[in-house]
Amino acid sequence: MISKKKANYMVTNYTMTKGFSILCKALIIYILFYFIIGAVLISVVPDDLSVYLRLTVTCITFIGMIFISKDYFKNKFVNDSMDVMDNSLKLAIISFALVMVNSFLTHINESMITASTYNNDLIKKIYIDSPVILGIISIALLPFIEEIFFKYVLFKNTDCLKKHWIIKTLIIGLLFASVHCASEVIKLDITAFICMFNYFIFYVATNIIYHKKENLMMVVIIHMLINICAVVLM
């Protein structure tokens, strides 16, 4: 018979191996394909085709992220979705509060620095070229992609700092903010560090909810609602 200690070791080892496998797949899909290969491909096609290629790349990334988190969608998705419906008013209030914080920080940023970030300029360009495609990308696809990568994969399925979730949240929050201001961070542009704070606050606030509720769909819906407001107010 297998001893209890050995059984626990086998379960722990399996969990760590599975988590590492999910992390590697997520890094390949999100960082290598979406950020590097996708960005290179989009930069070499004509401008009138770039928005459609961006949609294609985002759709492929979305499918990849759903695939690597298939255990969640098989086991928890339905229950989490029901919980979201039961707490719809709370989620609306939280989303409204985050939109207000976002607007306040954006106003401060614009009053201090007139230059916009590359990410914001890109969003405005896509909005001008095709607001429908921007809506599909920012409202239907990216909330799933980003919440799966930064919360389900990096926060939940990695053992690093697992017992120190607050520190882990702050570190991943900085990474989340850096990704959204990548061009400015690389150039060490002061604009980045002001804009990063906005994304950092969003990640920390939603990750606290994710940690307490263990409901991925809850933070996905909040992300969607905030992006809807951002597109409508653009």
C-alpha atoms as a PDB file:
ATOM      1  CA  MET A   1       0.000   0.000   0.000  1.00  0.00           C
ATOM      2  CA  ILE A   2       1.104   3.572  -0.667  1.00  0.00           C
ATOM      3  CA  SER A   3       1.748   5.528   2.524  1.00  0.00           C
ATOM      4  CA  LYS A   4      -0.189   8.735   3.194  1.00  0.00           C
ATOM      5  CA  LYS A   5       3.029  10.765   3.053  1.00  0.00           C
ATOM      6  CA  LYS A   6       3.994   9.293  -0.310  1.00  0.00           C
ATOM      7  CA  ALA A   7       0.470   9.795  -1.645  1.00  0.00           C
ATOM      8  CA  ASN A   8       0.534  13.468  -0.614  1.00  0.00           C
ATOM      9  CA  TYR A   9       3.940  13.854  -2.257  1.00  0.00           C
ATOM     10  CA  MET A  10       2.631  12.315  -5.492  1.00  0.00           C
ATOM     11  CA  VAL A  11      -0.397  14.616  -5.504  1.00  0.00           C
ATOM     12  CA  THR A  12       1.787  17.680  -4.813  1.00  0.00           C
ATOM     13  CA  ASN A  13       4.252  16.670  -7.522  1.00  0.00           C
ATOM     14  CA  TYR A  14       1.425  16.127 -10.025  1.00  0.00           C
ATOM     15  CA  THR A  15      -0.101  19.510  -9.178  1.00  0.00           C
ATOM     16  CA  MET A  16       3.251  21.295  -9.591  1.00  0.00           C
ATOM     17  CA  THR A  17       3.933  19.538 -12.909  1.00  0.00           C
ATOM     18  CA  LYS A  18       0.459  20.380 -14.190  1.00  0.00           C
ATOM     19  CA  GLY A  19       0.805  24.007 -13.080  1.00  0.00           C
ATOM     20  CA  PHE A  20       4.192  24.305 -14.794  1.00  0.00           C
ATOM     21  CA  SER A  21       2.758  22.820 -17.992  1.00  0.00           C
ATOM     22  CA  ILE A  22      -0.126  25.322 -17.969  1.00  0.00           C
ATOM     23  CA  LEU A  23       2.318  28.187 -17.329  1.00  0.00           C
ATOM     24  CA  CYS A  24       4.572  27.181 -20.250  1.00  0.00           C
ATOM     25  CA  LYS A  25       1.623  26.891 -22.645  1.00  0.00           C
ATOM     26  CA  ALA A  26       0.246  30.247 -21.489  1.00  0.00           C
ATOM     27  CA  LEU A  27       3.610  31.975 -21.966  1.00  0.00           C
ATOM     28  CA  ILE A  28       3.902  30.556 -25.488  1.00  0.00           C
ATOM     29  CA  ILE A  29       0.386  31.634 -26.434  1.00  0.00           C
ATOM     30  CA  TYR A  30       0.245  35.050 -24.736  1.00  0.00           C
ATOM     31  CA  ILE A  31       3.830  36.320 -24.802  1.00  0.00           C
ATOM     32  CA  LEU A  32       5.432  34.557 -27.769  1.00  0.00           C
ATOM     33  CA  PHE A  33       2.456  34.365 -30.140  1.00  0.00           C
ATOM     34  CA  TYR A  34       0.224  37.291 -29.143  1.00  0.00           C
ATOM     35  CA  PHE A  35       2.814  39.890 -28.157  1.00  0.00           C
ATOM     36  CA  ILE A  36       5.840  39.025 -30.282  1.00  0.00           C
ATOM     37  CA  ILE A  37       4.813  37.056 -33.385  1.00  0.00           C
ATOM     38  CA  GLY A  38       1.424  38.772 -33.627  1.00  0.00           C
ATOM     39  CA  ALA A  39       2.942  42.247 -33.277  1.00  0.00           C
ATOM     40  CA  VAL A  40       5.555  41.515 -35.956  1.00  0.00           C
ATOM     41  CA  LEU A  41       2.950  40.188 -38.403  1.00  0.00           C
ATOM     42  CA  ILE A  42       0.645  43.162 -37.826  1.00  0.00           C
ATOM     43  CA  SER A  43       3.515  45.618 -38.362  1.00  0.00           C
ATOM     44  CA  VAL A  44       4.340  44.270 -41.853  1.00  0.00           C
ATOM     45  CA  VAL A  45       0.846  44.115 -43.381  1.00  0.00           C
ATOM     46  CA  PRO A  46      -0.872  47.127 -45.017  1.00  0.00           C
ATOM     47  CA  ASP A  47      -2.753  49.412 -42.618  1.00  0.00           C
ATOM     48  CA  ASP A  48      -6.150  48.524 -44.082  1.00  0.00           C
ATOM     49  CA  LEU A  49      -5.554  44.845 -43.275  1.00  0.00           C
ATOM     50  CA  SER A  50      -3.858  45.247 -39.895  1.00  0.00           C
ATOM     51  CA  VAL A  51      -7.100  45.554 -37.919  1.00  0.00           C
ATOM     52  CA  TYR A  52      -8.400  42.264 -39.372  1.00  0.00           C
ATOM     53  CA  LEU A  53      -5.109  40.513 -38.691  1.00  0.00           C
ATOM     54  CA  ARG A  54      -5.198  41.845 -35.129  1.00  0.00           C
ATOM     55  CA  LEU A  55      -8.685  40.381 -34.719  1.00  0.00           C
ATOM     56  CA  THR A  56      -7.465  37.039 -36.103  1.00  0.00           C
ATOM     57  CA  VAL A  57      -4.436  36.951 -33.792  1.00  0.00           C
ATOM     58  CA  THR A  58      -6.623  37.849 -30.801  1.00  0.00           C
ATOM     59  CA  CYS A  59      -9.167  35.134 -31.698  1.00  0.00           C
ATOM     60  CA  ILE A  60      -6.416  32.500 -31.942  1.00  0.00           C
ATOM     61  CA  THR A  61      -5.011  33.655 -28.588  1.00  0.00           C
ATOM     62  CA  PHE A  62      -8.505  33.496 -27.080  1.00  0.00           C
ATOM     63  CA  ILE A  63      -9.001  29.915 -28.292  1.00  0.00           C
ATOM     64  CA  GLY A  64      -5.568  28.954 -26.954  1.00  0.00           C
ATOM     65  CA  MET A  65      -6.304  30.427 -23.527  1.00  0.00           C
ATOM     66  CA  ILE A  66      -9.667  28.671 -23.331  1.00  0.00           C
ATOM     67  CA  PHE A  67      -7.933  25.396 -24.237  1.00  0.00           C
ATOM     68  CA  ILE A  68      -5.265  25.601 -21.525  1.00  0.00           C
ATOM     69  CA  SER A  69      -7.903  26.483 -18.916  1.00  0.00           C
ATOM     70  CA  LYS A  70     -10.329  23.777 -20.092  1.00  0.00           C
ATOM     71  CA  ASP A  71     -10.399  22.177 -16.626  1.00  0.00           C
ATOM     72  CA  TYR A  72     -11.905  25.377 -15.253  1.00  0.00           C
ATOM     73  CA  PHE A  73     -14.548  25.585 -17.985  1.00  0.00           C
ATOM     74  CA  LYS A  74     -15.372  21.906 -17.513  1.00  0.00           C
ATOM     75  CA  ASN A  75     -15.647  21.974 -13.717  1.00  0.00           C
ATOM     76  CA  LYS A  76     -16.375  25.515 -12.485  1.00  0.00           C
ATOM     77  CA  PHE A  77     -17.612  27.697 -15.338  1.00  0.00           C
ATOM     78  CA  VAL A  78     -21.338  26.961 -14.931  1.00  0.00           C
ATOM     79  CA  ASN A  79     -21.356  27.418 -11.144  1.00  0.00           C
ATOM     80  CA  ASP A  80     -19.279  30.600 -11.395  1.00  0.00           C
ATOM     81  CA  SER A  81     -21.637  31.992 -14.040  1.00  0.00           C
ATOM     82  CA  MET A  82     -24.645  31.313 -11.794  1.00  0.00           C
ATOM     83  CA  ASP A  83     -22.855  33.070  -8.940  1.00  0.00           C
ATOM     84  CA  VAL A  84     -22.207  36.063 -11.200  1.00  0.00           C
ATOM     85  CA  MET A  85     -25.934  36.352 -11.957  1.00  0.00           C
ATOM     86  CA  ASP A  86     -26.731  36.194  -8.239  1.00  0.00           C
ATOM     87  CA  ASN A  87     -24.263  39.028  -7.555  1.00  0.00           C
ATOM     88  CA  SER A  88     -24.910  41.136 -10.665  1.00  0.00           C
ATOM     89  CA  LEU A  89     -25.768  44.310  -8.717  1.00  0.00           C
ATOM     90  CA  LYS A  90     -22.583  44.102  -6.623  1.00  0.00           C
ATOM     91  CA  LEU A  91     -20.496  43.576  -9.762  1.00  0.00           C
ATOM     92  CA  ALA A  92     -22.125  46.583 -11.433  1.00  0.00           C
ATOM     93  CA  ILE A  93     -21.343  48.768  -8.396  1.00  0.00           C
ATOM     94  CA  ILE A  94     -17.726  47.539  -8.236  1.00  0.00           C
ATOM     95  CA  SER A  95     -17.295  48.119 -11.970  1.00  0.00           C
ATOM     96  CA  PHE A  96     -18.751  51.633 -11.692  1.00  0.00           C
ATOM     97  CA  ALA A  97     -16.377  52.432  -8.814  1.00  0.00           C
ATOM     98  CA  LEU A  98     -13.373  51.198 -10.819  1.00  0.00           C
ATOM     99  CA  VAL A  99     -14.490  53.239 -13.844  1.00  0.00           C
ATOM    100  CA  MET A 100     -14.649  56.345 -11.637  1.00  0.00           C
ATOM    101  CA  VAL A 101     -11.160  55.657 -10.272  1.00  0.00           C
ATOM    102  CA  ASN A 102      -9.918  55.047 -13.812  1.00  0.00           C
ATOM    103  CA  SER A 103     -11.441  58.305 -15.056  1.00  0.00           C
ATOM    104  CA  PHE A 104      -9.974  60.253 -12.132  1.00  0.00           C
ATOM    105  CA  LEU A 105      -6.468  58.841 -12.670  1.00  0.00           C
ATOM    106  CA  THR A 106      -6.744  59.391 -16.432  1.00  0.00           C
ATOM    107  CA  HIS A 107      -7.731  63.028 -15.835  1.00  0.00           C
ATOM    108  CA  ILE A 108      -4.723  63.524 -13.546  1.00  0.00           C
ATOM    109  CA  ASN A 109      -2.464  61.869 -16.107  1.00  0.00           C
ATOM    110  CA  GLU A 110      -3.737  64.043 -18.962  1.00  0.00           C
ATOM    111  CA  SER A 111      -3.411  67.214 -16.883  1.00  0.00           C
ATOM    112  CA  MET A 112       0.202  66.382 -16.008  1.00  0.00           C
ATOM    113  CA  ILE A 113       1.355  64.860 -19.300  1.00  0.00           C
ATOM    114  CA  THR A 114      -0.245  65.644 -22.647  1.00  0.00           C
ATOM    115  CA  ALA A 115       1.393  62.706 -24.450  1.00  0.00           C
ATOM    116  CA  SER A 116      -0.641  59.510 -24.739  1.00  0.00           C
ATOM    117  CA  THR A 117       0.718  55.990 -24.377  1.00  0.00           C
ATOM    118  CA  TYR A 118       1.293  53.764 -27.408  1.00  0.00           C
ATOM    119  CA  ASN A 119      -1.396  51.377 -26.145  1.00  0.00           C
ATOM    120  CA  ASN A 120      -4.011  54.150 -25.895  1.00  0.00           C
ATOM    121  CA  ASP A 121      -3.067  55.518 -29.317  1.00  0.00           C
ATOM    122  CA  LEU A 122      -3.438  52.031 -30.782  1.00  0.00           C
ATOM    123  CA  ILE A 123      -6.893  51.615 -29.237  1.00  0.00           C
ATOM    124  CA  LYS A 124      -8.005  54.961 -30.684  1.00  0.00           C
ATOM    125  CA  LYS A 125      -6.671  53.968 -34.126  1.00  0.00           C
ATOM    126  CA  ILE A 126      -8.608  50.683 -34.081  1.00  0.00           C
ATOM    127  CA  TYR A 127     -11.707  52.588 -32.926  1.00  0.00           C
ATOM    128  CA  ILE A 128     -11.429  54.950 -35.906  1.00  0.00           C
ATOM    129  CA  ASP A 129     -10.795  52.111 -38.381  1.00  0.00           C
ATOM    130  CA  SER A 130     -13.449  49.735 -37.047  1.00  0.00           C
ATOM    131  CA  PRO A 131     -15.322  50.346 -33.780  1.00  0.00           C
ATOM    132  CA  VAL A 132     -17.074  46.971 -34.163  1.00  0.00           C
ATOM    133  CA  ILE A 133     -13.779  45.078 -34.254  1.00  0.00           C
ATOM    134  CA  LEU A 134     -12.525  47.110 -31.286  1.00  0.00           C
ATOM    135  CA  GLY A 135     -15.660  46.086 -29.406  1.00  0.00           C
ATOM    136  CA  ILE A 136     -15.142  42.402 -30.227  1.00  0.00           C
ATOM    137  CA  ILE A 137     -11.476  42.502 -29.203  1.00  0.00           C
ATOM    138  CA  SER A 138     -11.714  44.642 -26.064  1.00  0.00           C
ATOM    139  CA  ILE A 139     -15.082  43.481 -24.731  1.00  0.00           C
ATOM    140  CA  ALA A 140     -15.535  39.855 -25.833  1.00  0.00           C
ATOM    141  CA  LEU A 141     -11.972  38.515 -26.168  1.00  0.00           C
ATOM    142  CA  LEU A 142      -9.338  40.396 -24.146  1.00  0.00           C
ATOM    143  CA  PRO A 143     -11.088  40.145 -20.749  1.00  0.00           C
ATOM    144  CA  PHE A 144     -10.984  36.343 -21.041  1.00  0.00           C
ATOM    145  CA  ILE A 145      -7.407  36.312 -22.368  1.00  0.00           C
ATOM    146  CA  GLU A 146      -5.997  38.643 -19.713  1.00  0.00           C
ATOM    147  CA  GLU A 147      -7.923  37.265 -16.734  1.00  0.00           C
ATOM    148  CA  ILE A 148      -7.009  33.685 -17.637  1.00  0.00           C
ATOM    149  CA  PHE A 149      -3.333  34.570 -18.069  1.00  0.00           C
ATOM    150  CA  PHE A 150      -2.798  36.937 -15.135  1.00  0.00           C
ATOM    151  CA  LYS A 151      -5.190  35.379 -12.607  1.00  0.00           C
ATOM    152  CA  TYR A 152      -5.948  31.748 -13.471  1.00  0.00           C
ATOM    153  CA  VAL A 153      -2.423  30.938 -14.697  1.00  0.00           C
ATOM    154  CA  LEU A 154       0.046  33.308 -12.991  1.00  0.00           C
ATOM    155  CA  PHE A 155      -1.791  33.824  -9.707  1.00  0.00           C
ATOM    156  CA  LYS A 156      -3.676  30.573  -9.127  1.00  0.00           C
ATOM    157  CA  ASN A 157      -1.616  27.908 -10.931  1.00  0.00           C
ATOM    158  CA  THR A 158       1.911  28.880  -9.894  1.00  0.00           C
ATOM    159  CA  ASP A 159       3.369  27.857  -6.524  1.00  0.00           C
ATOM    160  CA  CYS A 160       5.687  30.859  -6.212  1.00  0.00           C
ATOM    161  CA  LEU A 161       4.621  33.022  -3.230  1.00  0.00           C
ATOM    162  CA  LYS A 162       1.424  30.982  -2.875  1.00  0.00           C
ATOM    163  CA  LYS A 163       1.373  31.558   0.891  1.00  0.00           C
ATOM    164  CA  HIS A 164       2.011  35.288   0.422  1.00  0.00           C
ATOM    165  CA  TRP A 165      -0.852  36.162  -1.903  1.00  0.00           C
ATOM    166  CA  ILE A 166      -0.706  39.912  -1.233  1.00  0.00           C
ATOM    167  CA  ILE A 167       2.939  40.139  -2.344  1.00  0.00           C
ATOM    168  CA  LYS A 168       2.144  37.905  -5.313  1.00  0.00           C
ATOM    169  CA  THR A 169      -0.781  40.165  -6.251  1.00  0.00           C
ATOM    170  CA  LEU A 170       1.424  43.273  -6.162  1.00  0.00           C
ATOM    171  CA  ILE A 171       4.137  41.646  -8.303  1.00  0.00           C
ATOM    172  CA  ILE A 172       1.692  40.354 -10.927  1.00  0.00           C
ATOM    173  CA  GLY A 173      -0.082  43.722 -10.798  1.00  0.00           C
ATOM    174  CA  LEU A 174       3.176  45.431 -11.783  1.00  0.00           C
ATOM    175  CA  LEU A 175       3.602  42.916 -14.607  1.00  0.00           C
ATOM    176  CA  PHE A 176       0.016  43.507 -15.777  1.00  0.00           C
ATOM    177  CA  ALA A 177       0.561  47.269 -15.756  1.00  0.00           C
ATOM    178  CA  SER A 178       3.936  46.963 -17.522  1.00  0.00           C
ATOM    179  CA  VAL A 179       2.428  44.886 -20.334  1.00  0.00           C
ATOM    180  CA  HIS A 180      -0.160  47.604 -21.002  1.00  0.00           C
ATOM    181  CA  CYS A 181       2.552  50.297 -21.088  1.00  0.00           C
ATOM    182  CA  ALA A 182       5.319  48.151 -22.597  1.00  0.00           C
ATOM    183  CA  SER A 183       6.604  50.673 -25.164  1.00  0.00           C
ATOM    184  CA  GLU A 184       6.960  53.422 -22.559  1.00  0.00           C
ATOM    185  CA  VAL A 185       8.551  51.084 -20.005  1.00  0.00           C
ATOM    186  CA  ILE A 186      11.192  49.998 -22.544  1.00  0.00           C
ATOM    187  CA  LYS A 187      11.953  53.659 -23.305  1.00  0.00           C
ATOM    188  CA  LEU A 188      11.917  54.522 -19.561  1.00  0.00           C
ATOM    189  CA  ASP A 189       9.309  57.166 -20.384  1.00  0.00           C
ATOM    190  CA  ILE A 190       7.814  58.826 -17.279  1.00  0.00           C
ATOM    191  CA  THR A 191       4.402  58.591 -18.969  1.00  0.00           C
ATOM    192  CA  ALA A 192       4.488  54.848 -18.404  1.00  0.00           C
ATOM    193  CA  PHE A 193       4.881  55.031 -14.658  1.00  0.00           C
ATOM    194  CA  ILE A 194       1.880  57.327 -14.297  1.00  0.00           C
ATOM    195  CA  CYS A 195      -0.312  55.265 -16.646  1.00  0.00           C
ATOM    196  CA  MET A 196       0.870  52.025 -15.050  1.00  0.00           C
ATOM    197  CA  PHE A 197      -0.677  53.051 -11.748  1.00  0.00           C
ATOM    198  CA  ASN A 198      -4.132  52.978 -13.356  1.00  0.00           C
ATOM    199  CA  TYR A 199      -3.698  49.389 -14.569  1.00  0.00           C
ATOM    200  CA  PHE A 200      -2.023  48.395 -11.313  1.00  0.00           C
ATOM    201  CA  ILE A 201      -5.006  49.578  -9.238  1.00  0.00           C
ATOM    202  CA  PHE A 202      -7.370  47.677 -11.536  1.00  0.00           C
ATOM    203  CA  TYR A 203      -5.424  44.442 -11.226  1.00  0.00           C
ATOM    204  CA  VAL A 204      -4.993  44.613  -7.460  1.00  0.00           C
ATOM    205  CA  ALA A 205      -8.687  45.407  -6.881  1.00  0.00           C
ATOM    206  CA  THR A 206      -9.961  42.614  -9.130  1.00  0.00           C
ATOM    207  CA  ASN A 207      -7.414  40.098  -7.867  1.00  0.00           C
ATOM    208  CA  ILE A 208      -8.534  40.654  -4.276  1.00  0.00           C
ATOM    209  CA  ILE A 209     -12.033  39.730  -5.465  1.00  0.00           C
ATOM    210  CA  TYR A 210     -10.658  36.696  -7.310  1.00  0.00           C
ATOM    211  CA  HIS A 211      -8.703  35.529  -4.274  1.00  0.00           C
ATOM    212  CA  LYS A 212     -11.677  35.904  -1.928  1.00  0.00           C
ATOM    213  CA  LYS A 213     -14.378  34.503  -4.234  1.00  0.00           C
ATOM    214  CA  GLU A 214     -12.295  32.094  -6.371  1.00  0.00           C
ATOM    215  CA  ASN A 215     -14.608  32.990  -9.248  1.00  0.00           C
ATOM    216  CA  LEU A 216     -12.875  33.703 -12.557  1.00  0.00           C
ATOM    217  CA  MET A 217     -16.066  34.716 -14.351  1.00  0.00           C
ATOM    218  CA  MET A 218     -16.693  37.408 -11.756  1.00  0.00           C
ATOM    219  CA  VAL A 219     -13.490  39.271 -12.640  1.00  0.00           C
ATOM    220  CA  VAL A 220     -13.982  38.602 -16.365  1.00  0.00           C
ATOM    221  CA  ILE A 221     -17.399  40.293 -16.210  1.00  0.00           C
ATOM    222  CA  ILE A 222     -15.985  43.255 -14.257  1.00  0.00           C
ATOM    223  CA  HIS A 223     -13.244  43.569 -16.894  1.00  0.00           C
ATOM    224  CA  MET A 224     -15.873  43.459 -19.662  1.00  0.00           C
ATOM    225  CA  LEU A 225     -18.041  46.121 -18.018  1.00  0.00           C
ATOM    226  CA  ILE A 226     -15.071  48.458 -17.570  1.00  0.00           C
ATOM    227  CA  ASN A 227     -14.003  47.970 -21.198  1.00  0.00           C
ATOM    228  CA  ILE A 228     -17.573  48.628 -22.354  1.00  0.00           C
ATOM    229  CA  CYS A 229     -17.510  51.955 -20.505  1.00  0.00           C
ATOM    230  CA  ALA A 230     -14.091  52.762 -21.979  1.00  0.00           C
ATOM    231  CA  VAL A 231     -15.303  52.114 -25.546  1.00  0.00           C
ATOM    232  CA  VAL A 232     -18.572  54.030 -25.053  1.00  0.00           C
ATOM    233  CA  LEU A 233     -16.761  57.035 -23.545  1.00  0.00           C
ATOM    234  CA  MET A 234     -14.050  57.062 -26.232  1.00  0.00           C
END
